[in-house]
Amino acid sequence: MARKREKPEDQVAIDVIRQHLLDMEPELRMIEGLVAILHALSSTADQVEPIALAPLAYLGTEAVEKILSTWRQALVAASSKTAKA
């Protein structure tokens, strides 16, 4: 029975980092949408109640926290790769 060829250690680390970066995409799209909404709100002549902005702030905060967490995981993966080199 033939043995499966394992990926080189460098390729595994690159794949882990790539996956972390791809995991950030949904939150980046969320922030992109929030910025578009805020831009639209800023160009209207109507006043926006602060209570209407609270859900947008909550969504933005949650997305940024997820991105920062994933970014830190990618940095850990990258630093562990360079530490082994």
PDB file of N, CA and C in Angstrom:
ATOM      1  N   MET A   1       0.841  -1.177   0.000  1.00  0.00           N
ATOM      2  CA  MET A   1       0.000   0.000   0.000  1.00  0.00           C
ATOM      3  C   MET A   1       0.886   1.241   0.000  1.00  0.00           C
ATOM      4  N   ALA A   2       0.634   2.163  -0.888  1.00  0.00           N
ATOM      5  CA  ALA A   2       1.460   3.356  -1.024  1.00  0.00           C
ATOM      6  C   ALA A   2       1.137   4.350   0.079  1.00  0.00           C
ATOM      7  N   ARG A   3       2.173   4.992   0.590  1.00  0.00           N
ATOM      8  CA  ARG A   3       1.989   6.019   1.617  1.00  0.00           C
ATOM      9  C   ARG A   3       1.600   7.332   0.969  1.00  0.00           C
ATOM     10  N   LYS A   4       0.735   8.033   1.638  1.00  0.00           N
ATOM     11  CA  LYS A   4       0.376   9.373   1.171  1.00  0.00           C
ATOM     12  C   LYS A   4       1.556  10.304   1.397  1.00  0.00           C
ATOM     13  N   ARG A   5       1.801  11.147   0.435  1.00  0.00           N
ATOM     14  CA  ARG A   5       2.858  12.146   0.617  1.00  0.00           C
ATOM     15  C   ARG A   5       2.318  13.268   1.484  1.00  0.00           C
ATOM     16  N   GLU A   6       3.058  13.561   2.522  1.00  0.00           N
ATOM     17  CA  GLU A   6       2.643  14.637   3.421  1.00  0.00           C
ATOM     18  C   GLU A   6       3.105  15.972   2.856  1.00  0.00           C
ATOM     19  N   LYS A   7       2.349  17.000   3.193  1.00  0.00           N
ATOM     20  CA  LYS A   7       2.724  18.343   2.768  1.00  0.00           C
ATOM     21  C   LYS A   7       3.954  18.779   3.546  1.00  0.00           C
ATOM     22  N   PRO A   8       4.826  19.518   2.890  1.00  0.00           N
ATOM     23  CA  PRO A   8       5.955  20.074   3.645  1.00  0.00           C
ATOM     24  C   PRO A   8       5.447  21.010   4.743  1.00  0.00           C
ATOM     25  N   GLU A   9       6.227  21.100   5.808  1.00  0.00           N
ATOM     26  CA  GLU A   9       5.818  21.910   6.962  1.00  0.00           C
ATOM     27  C   GLU A   9       5.541  23.356   6.568  1.00  0.00           C
ATOM     28  N   ASP A  10       6.346  23.912   5.668  1.00  0.00           N
ATOM     29  CA  ASP A  10       6.134  25.294   5.229  1.00  0.00           C
ATOM     30  C   ASP A  10       4.776  25.450   4.548  1.00  0.00           C
ATOM     31  N   GLN A  11       4.413  24.481   3.732  1.00  0.00           N
ATOM     32  CA  GLN A  11       3.138  24.564   3.021  1.00  0.00           C
ATOM     33  C   GLN A  11       1.970  24.484   3.990  1.00  0.00           C
ATOM     34  N   VAL A  12       2.099  23.677   5.026  1.00  0.00           N
ATOM     35  CA  VAL A  12       1.034  23.588   6.038  1.00  0.00           C
ATOM     36  C   VAL A  12       0.864  24.936   6.723  1.00  0.00           C
ATOM     37  N   ALA A  13       1.953  25.570   7.086  1.00  0.00           N
ATOM     38  CA  ALA A  13       1.881  26.880   7.749  1.00  0.00           C
ATOM     39  C   ALA A  13       1.266  27.918   6.819  1.00  0.00           C
ATOM     40  N   ILE A  14       1.651  27.885   5.560  1.00  0.00           N
ATOM     41  CA  ILE A  14       1.083  28.835   4.585  1.00  0.00           C
ATOM     42  C   ILE A  14      -0.416  28.600   4.433  1.00  0.00           C
ATOM     43  N   ASP A  15      -0.824  27.330   4.400  1.00  0.00           N
ATOM     44  CA  ASP A  15      -2.248  27.018   4.294  1.00  0.00           C
ATOM     45  C   ASP A  15      -3.025  27.511   5.505  1.00  0.00           C
ATOM     46  N   VAL A  16      -2.442  27.381   6.691  1.00  0.00           N
ATOM     47  CA  VAL A  16      -3.102  27.851   7.917  1.00  0.00           C
ATOM     48  C   VAL A  16      -3.263  29.372   7.873  1.00  0.00           C
ATOM     49  N   ILE A  17      -2.210  30.063   7.487  1.00  0.00           N
ATOM     50  CA  ILE A  17      -2.274  31.526   7.409  1.00  0.00           C
ATOM     51  C   ILE A  17      -3.296  31.950   6.360  1.00  0.00           C
ATOM     52  N   ARG A  18      -3.280  31.300   5.204  1.00  0.00           N
ATOM     53  CA  ARG A  18      -4.232  31.616   4.136  1.00  0.00           C
ATOM     54  C   ARG A  18      -5.663  31.419   4.628  1.00  0.00           C
ATOM     55  N   GLN A  19      -5.912  30.345   5.365  1.00  0.00           N
ATOM     56  CA  GLN A  19      -7.264  30.084   5.867  1.00  0.00           C
ATOM     57  C   GLN A  19      -7.699  31.162   6.857  1.00  0.00           C
ATOM     58  N   HIS A  20      -6.789  31.595   7.716  1.00  0.00           N
ATOM     59  CA  HIS A  20      -7.127  32.676   8.656  1.00  0.00           C
ATOM     60  C   HIS A  20      -7.486  33.949   7.894  1.00  0.00           C
ATOM     61  N   LEU A  21      -6.736  34.253   6.862  1.00  0.00           N
ATOM     62  CA  LEU A  21      -7.031  35.460   6.075  1.00  0.00           C
ATOM     63  C   LEU A  21      -8.384  35.336   5.376  1.00  0.00           C
ATOM     64  N   LEU A  22      -8.681  34.157   4.843  1.00  0.00           N
ATOM     65  CA  LEU A  22      -9.983  33.944   4.201  1.00  0.00           C
ATOM     66  C   LEU A  22     -11.117  34.019   5.216  1.00  0.00           C
ATOM     67  N   ASP A  23     -10.867  33.600   6.448  1.00  0.00           N
ATOM     68  CA  ASP A  23     -11.891  33.646   7.496  1.00  0.00           C
ATOM     69  C   ASP A  23     -12.287  35.077   7.850  1.00  0.00           C
ATOM     70  N   MET A  24     -11.442  36.040   7.527  1.00  0.00           N
ATOM     71  CA  MET A  24     -11.740  37.445   7.831  1.00  0.00           C
ATOM     72  C   MET A  24     -12.716  38.061   6.834  1.00  0.00           C
ATOM     73  N   GLU A  25     -12.876  37.429   5.682  1.00  0.00           N
ATOM     74  CA  GLU A  25     -13.664  38.049   4.618  1.00  0.00           C
ATOM     75  C   GLU A  25     -15.107  38.387   4.998  1.00  0.00           C
ATOM     76  N   PRO A  26     -15.861  37.500   5.648  1.00  0.00           N
ATOM     77  CA  PRO A  26     -17.250  37.874   5.979  1.00  0.00           C
ATOM     78  C   PRO A  26     -17.339  39.122   6.853  1.00  0.00           C
ATOM     79  N   GLU A  27     -16.444  39.233   7.817  1.00  0.00           N
ATOM     80  CA  GLU A  27     -16.470  40.413   8.686  1.00  0.00           C
ATOM     81  C   GLU A  27     -16.040  41.664   7.926  1.00  0.00           C
ATOM     82  N   LEU A  28     -15.077  41.526   7.019  1.00  0.00           N
ATOM     83  CA  LEU A  28     -14.672  42.678   6.210  1.00  0.00           C
ATOM     84  C   LEU A  28     -15.819  43.139   5.318  1.00  0.00           C
ATOM     85  N   ARG A  29     -16.581  42.207   4.792  1.00  0.00           N
ATOM     86  CA  ARG A  29     -17.750  42.580   3.981  1.00  0.00           C
ATOM     87  C   ARG A  29     -18.807  43.273   4.848  1.00  0.00           C
ATOM     88  N   MET A  30     -18.959  42.806   6.094  1.00  0.00           N
ATOM     89  CA  MET A  30     -19.903  43.435   7.018  1.00  0.00           C
ATOM     90  C   MET A  30     -19.489  44.884   7.265  1.00  0.00           C
ATOM     91  N   ILE A  31     -18.224  45.103   7.531  1.00  0.00           N
ATOM     92  CA  ILE A  31     -17.737  46.464   7.777  1.00  0.00           C
ATOM     93  C   ILE A  31     -17.891  47.322   6.524  1.00  0.00           C
ATOM     94  N   GLU A  32     -17.641  46.739   5.358  1.00  0.00           N
ATOM     95  CA  GLU A  32     -17.828  47.466   4.101  1.00  0.00           C
ATOM     96  C   GLU A  32     -19.282  47.926   3.970  1.00  0.00           C
ATOM     97  N   GLY A  33     -20.224  47.045   4.311  1.00  0.00           N
ATOM     98  CA  GLY A  33     -21.637  47.413   4.265  1.00  0.00           C
ATOM     99  C   GLY A  33     -21.990  48.486   5.275  1.00  0.00           C
ATOM    100  N   LEU A  34     -21.424  48.372   6.474  1.00  0.00           N
ATOM    101  CA  LEU A  34     -21.680  49.385   7.501  1.00  0.00           C
ATOM    102  C   LEU A  34     -21.170  50.755   7.070  1.00  0.00           C
ATOM    103  N   VAL A  35     -20.012  50.771   6.461  1.00  0.00           N
ATOM    104  CA  VAL A  35     -19.457  52.046   5.980  1.00  0.00           C
ATOM    105  C   VAL A  35     -20.357  52.638   4.896  1.00  0.00           C
ATOM    106  N   ALA A  36     -20.870  51.790   4.011  1.00  0.00           N
ATOM    107  CA  ALA A  36     -21.784  52.272   2.974  1.00  0.00           C
ATOM    108  C   ALA A  36     -23.054  52.846   3.588  1.00  0.00           C
ATOM    109  N   ILE A  37     -23.591  52.165   4.598  1.00  0.00           N
ATOM    110  CA  ILE A  37     -24.796  52.671   5.279  1.00  0.00           C
ATOM    111  C   ILE A  37     -24.503  54.003   5.953  1.00  0.00           C
ATOM    112  N   LEU A  38     -23.389  54.079   6.659  1.00  0.00           N
ATOM    113  CA  LEU A  38     -23.039  55.336   7.339  1.00  0.00           C
ATOM    114  C   LEU A  38     -22.817  56.463   6.343  1.00  0.00           C
ATOM    115  N   HIS A  39     -22.209  56.143   5.229  1.00  0.00           N
ATOM    116  CA  HIS A  39     -22.011  57.161   4.184  1.00  0.00           C
ATOM    117  C   HIS A  39     -23.363  57.651   3.657  1.00  0.00           C
ATOM    118  N   ALA A  40     -24.287  56.725   3.421  1.00  0.00           N
ATOM    119  CA  ALA A  40     -25.618  57.113   2.945  1.00  0.00           C
ATOM    120  C   ALA A  40     -26.337  57.962   3.989  1.00  0.00           C
ATOM    121  N   LEU A  41     -26.217  57.569   5.257  1.00  0.00           N
ATOM    122  CA  LEU A  41     -26.864  58.346   6.315  1.00  0.00           C
ATOM    123  C   LEU A  41     -26.260  59.744   6.431  1.00  0.00           C
ATOM    124  N   SER A  42     -24.965  59.844   6.213  1.00  0.00           N
ATOM    125  CA  SER A  42     -24.313  61.152   6.355  1.00  0.00           C
ATOM    126  C   SER A  42     -24.699  62.108   5.235  1.00  0.00           C
ATOM    127  N   SER A  43     -25.133  61.583   4.100  1.00  0.00           N
ATOM    128  CA  SER A  43     -25.463  62.456   2.970  1.00  0.00           C
ATOM    129  C   SER A  43     -26.952  62.824   2.930  1.00  0.00           C
ATOM    130  N   THR A  44     -27.735  62.285   3.856  1.00  0.00           N
ATOM    131  CA  THR A  44     -29.151  62.664   3.893  1.00  0.00           C
ATOM    132  C   THR A  44     -29.318  63.938   4.706  1.00  0.00           C
ATOM    133  N   ALA A  45     -30.371  64.624   4.414  1.00  0.00           N
ATOM    134  CA  ALA A  45     -30.644  65.871   5.143  1.00  0.00           C
ATOM    135  C   ALA A  45     -31.342  65.585   6.467  1.00  0.00           C
ATOM    136  N   ASP A  46     -31.869  64.378   6.623  1.00  0.00           N
ATOM    137  CA  ASP A  46     -32.593  64.030   7.851  1.00  0.00           C
ATOM    138  C   ASP A  46     -31.612  63.793   8.983  1.00  0.00           C
ATOM    139  N   GLN A  47     -32.062  64.121  10.180  1.00  0.00           N
ATOM    140  CA  GLN A  47     -31.266  63.804  11.357  1.00  0.00           C
ATOM    141  C   GLN A  47     -31.507  62.354  11.732  1.00  0.00           C
ATOM    142  N   VAL A  48     -30.452  61.678  12.144  1.00  0.00           N
ATOM    143  CA  VAL A  48     -30.555  60.285  12.533  1.00  0.00           C
ATOM    144  C   VAL A  48     -30.481  60.216  14.049  1.00  0.00           C
ATOM    145  N   GLU A  49     -31.444  59.519  14.624  1.00  0.00           N
ATOM    146  CA  GLU A  49     -31.470  59.365  16.078  1.00  0.00           C
ATOM    147  C   GLU A  49     -30.318  58.468  16.522  1.00  0.00           C
ATOM    148  N   PRO A  50     -29.677  58.788  17.643  1.00  0.00           N
ATOM    149  CA  PRO A  50     -28.580  57.949  18.136  1.00  0.00           C
ATOM    150  C   PRO A  50     -28.989  56.497  18.366  1.00  0.00           C
ATOM    151  N   ILE A  51     -30.244  56.281  18.753  1.00  0.00           N
ATOM    152  CA  ILE A  51     -30.714  54.914  18.994  1.00  0.00           C
ATOM    153  C   ILE A  51     -30.703  54.102  17.697  1.00  0.00           C
ATOM    154  N   ALA A  52     -30.827  54.768  16.570  1.00  0.00           N
ATOM    155  CA  ALA A  52     -30.784  54.070  15.278  1.00  0.00           C
ATOM    156  C   ALA A  52     -29.358  53.666  14.910  1.00  0.00           C
ATOM    157  N   LEU A  53     -28.390  54.373  15.439  1.00  0.00           N
ATOM    158  CA  LEU A  53     -26.991  54.068  15.134  1.00  0.00           C
ATOM    159  C   LEU A  53     -26.422  52.982  16.037  1.00  0.00           C
ATOM    160  N   ALA A  54     -27.052  52.733  17.158  1.00  0.00           N
ATOM    161  CA  ALA A  54     -26.543  51.744  18.112  1.00  0.00           C
ATOM    162  C   ALA A  54     -26.404  50.345  17.516  1.00  0.00           C
ATOM    163  N   PRO A  55     -27.385  49.835  16.759  1.00  0.00           N
ATOM    164  CA  PRO A  55     -27.196  48.498  16.173  1.00  0.00           C
ATOM    165  C   PRO A  55     -26.043  48.448  15.181  1.00  0.00           C
ATOM    166  N   LEU A  56     -25.848  49.534  14.444  1.00  0.00           N
ATOM    167  CA  LEU A  56     -24.724  49.583  13.506  1.00  0.00           C
ATOM    168  C   LEU A  56     -23.397  49.552  14.255  1.00  0.00           C
ATOM    169  N   ALA A  57     -23.336  50.284  15.347  1.00  0.00           N
ATOM    170  CA  ALA A  57     -22.114  50.282  16.158  1.00  0.00           C
ATOM    171  C   ALA A  57     -21.850  48.901  16.733  1.00  0.00           C
ATOM    172  N   TYR A  58     -22.903  48.233  17.179  1.00  0.00           N
ATOM    173  CA  TYR A  58     -22.752  46.880  17.737  1.00  0.00           C
ATOM    174  C   TYR A  58     -22.240  45.916  16.676  1.00  0.00           C
ATOM    175  N   LEU A  59     -22.837  45.943  15.490  1.00  0.00           N
ATOM    176  CA  LEU A  59     -22.390  45.064  14.405  1.00  0.00           C
ATOM    177  C   LEU A  59     -20.944  45.346  14.023  1.00  0.00           C
ATOM    178  N   GLY A  60     -20.590  46.620  13.961  1.00  0.00           N
ATOM    179  CA  GLY A  60     -19.215  46.986  13.615  1.00  0.00           C
ATOM    180  C   GLY A  60     -18.222  46.529  14.663  1.00  0.00           C
ATOM    181  N   THR A  61     -18.584  46.680  15.921  1.00  0.00           N
ATOM    182  CA  THR A  61     -17.700  46.264  17.008  1.00  0.00           C
ATOM    183  C   THR A  61     -17.475  44.760  16.981  1.00  0.00           C
ATOM    184  N   GLU A  62     -18.556  44.018  16.782  1.00  0.00           N
ATOM    185  CA  GLU A  62     -18.459  42.558  16.734  1.00  0.00           C
ATOM    186  C   GLU A  62     -17.572  42.106  15.563  1.00  0.00           C
ATOM    187  N   ALA A  63     -17.748  42.722  14.409  1.00  0.00           N
ATOM    188  CA  ALA A  63     -16.960  42.358  13.232  1.00  0.00           C
ATOM    189  C   ALA A  63     -15.481  42.682  13.441  1.00  0.00           C
ATOM    190  N   VAL A  64     -15.195  43.828  14.013  1.00  0.00           N
ATOM    191  CA  VAL A  64     -13.804  44.211  14.254  1.00  0.00           C
ATOM    192  C   VAL A  64     -13.150  43.262  15.258  1.00  0.00           C
ATOM    193  N   GLU A  65     -13.879  42.875  16.299  1.00  0.00           N
ATOM    194  CA  GLU A  65     -13.328  41.940  17.279  1.00  0.00           C
ATOM    195  C   GLU A  65     -12.987  40.598  16.632  1.00  0.00           C
ATOM    196  N   LYS A  66     -13.865  40.107  15.751  1.00  0.00           N
ATOM    197  CA  LYS A  66     -13.594  38.843  15.058  1.00  0.00           C
ATOM    198  C   LYS A  66     -12.383  38.965  14.142  1.00  0.00           C
ATOM    199  N   ILE A  67     -12.285  40.082  13.435  1.00  0.00           N
ATOM    200  CA  ILE A  67     -11.147  40.288  12.539  1.00  0.00           C
ATOM    201  C   ILE A  67      -9.851  40.337  13.337  1.00  0.00           C
ATOM    202  N   LEU A  68      -9.842  41.065  14.443  1.00  0.00           N
ATOM    203  CA  LEU A  68      -8.636  41.165  15.258  1.00  0.00           C
ATOM    204  C   LEU A  68      -8.234  39.807  15.821  1.00  0.00           C
ATOM    205  N   SER A  69      -9.203  39.024  16.247  1.00  0.00           N
ATOM    206  CA  SER A  69      -8.910  37.692  16.765  1.00  0.00           C
ATOM    207  C   SER A  69      -8.307  36.803  15.680  1.00  0.00           C
ATOM    208  N   THR A  70      -8.906  36.815  14.506  1.00  0.00           N
ATOM    209  CA  THR A  70      -8.404  36.007  13.399  1.00  0.00           C
ATOM    210  C   THR A  70      -7.034  36.498  12.951  1.00  0.00           C
ATOM    211  N   TRP A  71      -6.836  37.807  12.943  1.00  0.00           N
ATOM    212  CA  TRP A  71      -5.539  38.382  12.576  1.00  0.00           C
ATOM    213  C   TRP A  71      -4.451  37.913  13.545  1.00  0.00           C
ATOM    214  N   ARG A  72      -4.773  37.911  14.832  1.00  0.00           N
ATOM    215  CA  ARG A  72      -3.797  37.447  15.832  1.00  0.00           C
ATOM    216  C   ARG A  72      -3.466  35.970  15.620  1.00  0.00           C
ATOM    217  N   GLN A  73      -4.471  35.164  15.290  1.00  0.00           N
ATOM    218  CA  GLN A  73      -4.231  33.749  15.015  1.00  0.00           C
ATOM    219  C   GLN A  73      -3.315  33.580  13.809  1.00  0.00           C
ATOM    220  N   ALA A  74      -3.511  34.395  12.787  1.00  0.00           N
ATOM    221  CA  ALA A  74      -2.652  34.339  11.598  1.00  0.00           C
ATOM    222  C   ALA A  74      -1.225  34.746  11.963  1.00  0.00           C
ATOM    223  N   LEU A  75      -1.079  35.754  12.817  1.00  0.00           N
ATOM    224  CA  LEU A  75       0.258  36.184  13.239  1.00  0.00           C
ATOM    225  C   LEU A  75       0.958  35.094  14.057  1.00  0.00           C
ATOM    226  N   VAL A  76       0.207  34.415  14.911  1.00  0.00           N
ATOM    227  CA  VAL A  76       0.778  33.321  15.693  1.00  0.00           C
ATOM    228  C   VAL A  76       1.240  32.214  14.756  1.00  0.00           C
ATOM    229  N   ALA A  77       0.405  31.882  13.777  1.00  0.00           N
ATOM    230  CA  ALA A  77       0.781  30.853  12.802  1.00  0.00           C
ATOM    231  C   ALA A  77       2.019  31.263  12.026  1.00  0.00           C
ATOM    232  N   ALA A  78       2.099  32.538  11.643  1.00  0.00           N
ATOM    233  CA  ALA A  78       3.261  33.024  10.894  1.00  0.00           C
ATOM    234  C   ALA A  78       4.505  33.033  11.768  1.00  0.00           C
ATOM    235  N   SER A  79       4.363  33.432  13.016  1.00  0.00           N
ATOM    236  CA  SER A  79       5.549  33.483  13.892  1.00  0.00           C
ATOM    237  C   SER A  79       6.017  32.089  14.257  1.00  0.00           C
ATOM    238  N   SER A  80       5.098  31.145  14.390  1.00  0.00           N
ATOM    239  CA  SER A  80       5.533  29.770  14.675  1.00  0.00           C
ATOM    240  C   SER A  80       6.240  29.169  13.470  1.00  0.00           C
ATOM    241  N   LYS A  81       5.846  29.591  12.277  1.00  0.00           N
ATOM    242  CA  LYS A  81       6.507  29.124  11.063  1.00  0.00           C
ATOM    243  C   LYS A  81       7.932  29.671  10.992  1.00  0.00           C
ATOM    244  N   THR A  82       8.089  30.963  11.298  1.00  0.00           N
ATOM    245  CA  THR A  82       9.425  31.564  11.236  1.00  0.00           C
ATOM    246  C   THR A  82      10.303  31.091  12.385  1.00  0.00           C
ATOM    247  N   ALA A  83       9.715  30.749  13.522  1.00  0.00           N
ATOM    248  CA  ALA A  83      10.498  30.263  14.644  1.00  0.00           C
ATOM    249  C   ALA A  83      11.101  28.889  14.339  1.00  0.00           C
ATOM    250  N   LYS A  84      10.368  28.092  13.553  1.00  0.00           N
ATOM    251  CA  LYS A  84      10.859  26.764  13.181  1.00  0.00           C
ATOM    252  C   LYS A  84      11.920  26.822  12.088  1.00  0.00           C
ATOM    253  N   ALA A  85      11.921  27.911  11.332  1.00  0.00           N
ATOM    254  CA  ALA A  85      12.865  28.027  10.204  1.00  0.00           C
ATOM    255  C   ALA A  85      14.269  28.308  10.656  1.00  0.00           C
TER     256      ALA A  85
END
